[in-house]
Amino acid sequence: MAMPLAGLRASLPRVRGPVIRVPAPPCLKLEIHDRNRTEST
């Protein structure tokens, strides 16, 4: 989770804490799950 979060933060330096904190967790979790599933298959 540290890698994707860091990448997002680097990609969106303007977005700080609150803005990325709320919409990030669910979206990140879904994307990570999707990637893990694809890699697992």
N, C-alpha and C. Protein backbone atom coordinates (compact mmCIF):
# COMPACT_ATOMS: atom_id res chain seq x y z
N MET A 1 0.84 -1.21 0.00
CA MET A 1 0.00 0.00 0.00
C MET A 1 0.87 1.26 0.00
N ALA A 2 2.10 1.10 0.45
CA ALA A 2 2.98 2.27 0.52
C ALA A 2 3.38 2.72 -0.88
N MET A 3 3.59 1.76 -1.77
CA MET A 3 4.01 2.10 -3.14
C MET A 3 2.91 2.86 -3.89
N PRO A 4 1.71 2.30 -3.98
CA PRO A 4 0.62 2.98 -4.70
C PRO A 4 0.33 4.35 -4.11
N LEU A 5 0.32 4.44 -2.78
CA LEU A 5 0.04 5.72 -2.13
C LEU A 5 1.11 6.74 -2.49
N ALA A 6 2.37 6.31 -2.44
CA ALA A 6 3.48 7.21 -2.76
C ALA A 6 3.35 7.67 -4.21
N GLY A 7 3.05 6.73 -5.09
CA GLY A 7 2.90 7.08 -6.51
C GLY A 7 1.78 8.09 -6.70
N LEU A 8 0.66 7.86 -6.02
CA LEU A 8 -0.48 8.78 -6.14
C LEU A 8 -0.08 10.15 -5.63
N ARG A 9 0.60 10.17 -4.49
CA ARG A 9 1.01 11.45 -3.90
C ARG A 9 1.95 12.19 -4.85
N ALA A 10 2.86 11.46 -5.46
CA ALA A 10 3.82 12.08 -6.38
C ALA A 10 3.09 12.58 -7.63
N SER A 11 2.10 11.80 -8.07
CA SER A 11 1.36 12.18 -9.27
C SER A 11 0.44 13.36 -8.98
N LEU A 12 -0.09 13.39 -7.74
CA LEU A 12 -1.02 14.48 -7.38
C LEU A 12 -0.48 15.25 -6.17
N PRO A 13 0.55 16.06 -6.40
CA PRO A 13 1.13 16.84 -5.30
C PRO A 13 0.18 17.92 -4.82
N ARG A 14 -0.72 18.37 -5.70
CA ARG A 14 -1.67 19.44 -5.31
C ARG A 14 -2.68 18.90 -4.30
N VAL A 15 -3.07 17.64 -4.48
CA VAL A 15 -4.06 17.06 -3.56
C VAL A 15 -3.39 16.72 -2.23
N ARG A 16 -3.96 17.25 -1.14
CA ARG A 16 -3.31 17.00 0.17
C ARG A 16 -4.27 16.32 1.14
N GLY A 17 -3.78 15.39 1.88
CA GLY A 17 -4.51 14.72 2.96
C GLY A 17 -5.98 14.48 2.70
N PRO A 18 -6.84 15.38 3.15
CA PRO A 18 -8.30 15.18 3.11
C PRO A 18 -8.81 14.76 1.74
N VAL A 19 -8.43 15.50 0.72
CA VAL A 19 -8.97 15.21 -0.63
C VAL A 19 -8.58 13.81 -1.09
N ILE A 20 -7.32 13.43 -0.85
CA ILE A 20 -6.84 12.12 -1.32
C ILE A 20 -7.15 11.04 -0.27
N ARG A 21 -7.25 11.45 0.98
CA ARG A 21 -7.47 10.49 2.06
C ARG A 21 -8.84 9.83 1.91
N VAL A 22 -9.85 10.59 1.59
CA VAL A 22 -11.21 10.03 1.53
C VAL A 22 -11.42 9.15 0.29
N PRO A 23 -11.16 9.66 -0.93
CA PRO A 23 -11.42 8.88 -2.14
C PRO A 23 -10.31 7.89 -2.47
N ALA A 24 -9.19 7.97 -1.77
CA ALA A 24 -8.06 7.09 -2.08
C ALA A 24 -8.24 5.66 -1.55
N PRO A 25 -8.49 5.47 -0.26
CA PRO A 25 -8.60 4.13 0.32
C PRO A 25 -9.45 3.16 -0.50
N PRO A 26 -10.72 3.45 -0.75
CA PRO A 26 -11.59 2.52 -1.50
C PRO A 26 -11.06 2.27 -2.91
N CYS A 27 -10.73 3.32 -3.62
CA CYS A 27 -10.25 3.18 -5.01
C CYS A 27 -8.95 2.38 -5.02
N LEU A 28 -8.04 2.74 -4.13
CA LEU A 28 -6.75 2.04 -4.09
C LEU A 28 -6.95 0.57 -3.76
N LYS A 29 -7.79 0.31 -2.74
CA LYS A 29 -8.05 -1.08 -2.34
C LYS A 29 -8.60 -1.86 -3.52
N LEU A 30 -9.52 -1.27 -4.26
CA LEU A 30 -10.13 -1.97 -5.40
C LEU A 30 -9.06 -2.22 -6.46
N GLU A 31 -8.29 -1.20 -6.76
CA GLU A 31 -7.25 -1.36 -7.80
C GLU A 31 -6.22 -2.41 -7.37
N ILE A 32 -5.80 -2.36 -6.13
CA ILE A 32 -4.81 -3.33 -5.63
C ILE A 32 -5.40 -4.73 -5.69
N HIS A 33 -6.66 -4.87 -5.29
CA HIS A 33 -7.32 -6.18 -5.33
C HIS A 33 -7.35 -6.69 -6.76
N ASP A 34 -7.72 -5.81 -7.67
CA ASP A 34 -7.80 -6.20 -9.09
C ASP A 34 -6.43 -6.67 -9.57
N ARG A 35 -5.41 -5.92 -9.26
CA ARG A 35 -4.06 -6.27 -9.73
C ARG A 35 -3.61 -7.58 -9.09
N ASN A 36 -3.88 -7.72 -7.81
CA ASN A 36 -3.48 -8.96 -7.12
C ASN A 36 -4.22 -10.15 -7.73
N ARG A 37 -5.48 -9.96 -8.03
CA ARG A 37 -6.28 -11.05 -8.61
C ARG A 37 -5.70 -11.42 -9.98
N THR A 38 -5.42 -10.43 -10.78
CA THR A 38 -4.88 -10.70 -12.13
C THR A 38 -3.52 -11.41 -12.01
N GLU A 39 -2.71 -10.97 -11.07
CA GLU A 39 -1.39 -11.59 -10.90
C GLU A 39 -1.52 -13.00 -10.34
N SER A 40 -2.49 -13.18 -9.45
CA SER A 40 -2.69 -14.50 -8.83
C SER A 40 -3.15 -15.51 -9.87
N THR A 41 -4.03 -15.06 -10.75
CA THR A 41 -4.58 -15.99 -11.75
C THR A 41 -3.46 -16.58 -12.61
